[in-house]
Amino acid sequence: MADENASLLMEVREMLKLVSERQNQLMEEINQLKEDQKKLLDEIKISNFVLNNITVRSEILN
């Protein structure tokens, strides 16, 4: 009985270790996605600025 409990305890520890490792991987992926999102938002801001300036300049020329 004690051997069975010890075996189950080891299995649970291994599973928790795997879950913890996967959680760390997911956190790294989330952080990378946040960085990518920030870069994309910066690119969108720049694109919008350029587009707005093109519209204003074309109106001035017309």
Protein backbone atom coordinates (compact mmCIF):
# COMPACT_ATOMS: atom_id res chain seq x y z
CA MET A 1 0.00 0.00 0.00
CA ALA A 2 2.78 2.43 0.91
CA ASP A 3 4.63 1.56 -2.32
CA GLU A 4 1.48 2.23 -4.31
CA ASN A 5 1.00 5.59 -2.61
CA ALA A 6 4.62 6.51 -3.21
CA SER A 7 4.28 5.54 -6.86
CA LEU A 8 1.13 7.65 -7.23
CA LEU A 9 2.83 10.55 -5.50
CA MET A 10 5.75 10.35 -7.94
CA GLU A 11 3.33 10.28 -10.88
CA VAL A 12 1.52 13.34 -9.55
CA ARG A 13 4.82 15.16 -9.06
CA GLU A 14 5.88 14.35 -12.63
CA MET A 15 2.55 15.54 -13.97
CA LEU A 16 2.78 18.76 -11.98
CA LYS A 17 6.28 19.31 -13.28
CA LEU A 18 5.05 18.87 -16.87
CA VAL A 19 2.14 21.23 -16.26
CA SER A 20 4.49 23.80 -14.76
CA GLU A 21 6.87 23.55 -17.72
CA ARG A 22 4.01 23.94 -20.18
CA GLN A 23 2.71 26.92 -18.24
CA ASN A 24 6.14 28.55 -18.50
CA GLN A 25 6.19 27.90 -22.24
CA LEU A 26 2.76 29.45 -22.60
CA MET A 27 3.82 32.51 -20.62
CA GLU A 28 6.83 32.96 -22.91
CA GLU A 29 4.57 32.65 -25.96
CA ILE A 30 2.11 35.16 -24.50
CA ASN A 31 4.93 37.62 -23.83
CA GLN A 32 6.16 37.19 -27.41
CA LEU A 33 2.65 37.78 -28.73
CA LYS A 34 2.38 40.95 -26.63
CA GLU A 35 5.63 42.22 -28.11
CA ASP A 36 4.43 41.41 -31.62
CA GLN A 37 1.13 43.16 -30.94
CA LYS A 38 2.95 46.27 -29.72
CA LYS A 39 5.09 46.32 -32.87
CA LEU A 40 2.02 45.96 -35.06
CA LEU A 41 0.23 48.77 -33.23
CA ASP A 42 3.26 51.01 -33.75
CA GLU A 43 3.29 50.14 -37.46
CA ILE A 44 -0.43 50.91 -37.70
CA LYS A 45 0.11 54.30 -36.04
CA ILE A 46 2.86 55.15 -38.50
CA SER A 47 0.76 53.97 -41.46
CA ASN A 48 -2.21 56.02 -40.31
CA PHE A 49 -0.01 59.07 -39.88
CA VAL A 50 1.37 58.67 -43.40
CA LEU A 51 -2.09 58.08 -44.88
CA ASN A 52 -3.49 61.13 -43.12
CA ASN A 53 -0.67 63.27 -44.42
CA ILE A 54 -1.15 61.99 -47.97
CA THR A 55 -4.83 62.93 -47.82
CA VAL A 56 -4.05 66.42 -46.54
CA ARG A 57 -1.37 66.99 -49.19
CA SER A 58 -3.58 65.77 -52.00
CA GLU A 59 -6.32 68.18 -50.85
CA ILE A 60 -3.83 71.02 -50.82
CA LEU A 61 -2.68 70.16 -54.33
CA ASN A 62 -6.21 69.96 -55.64
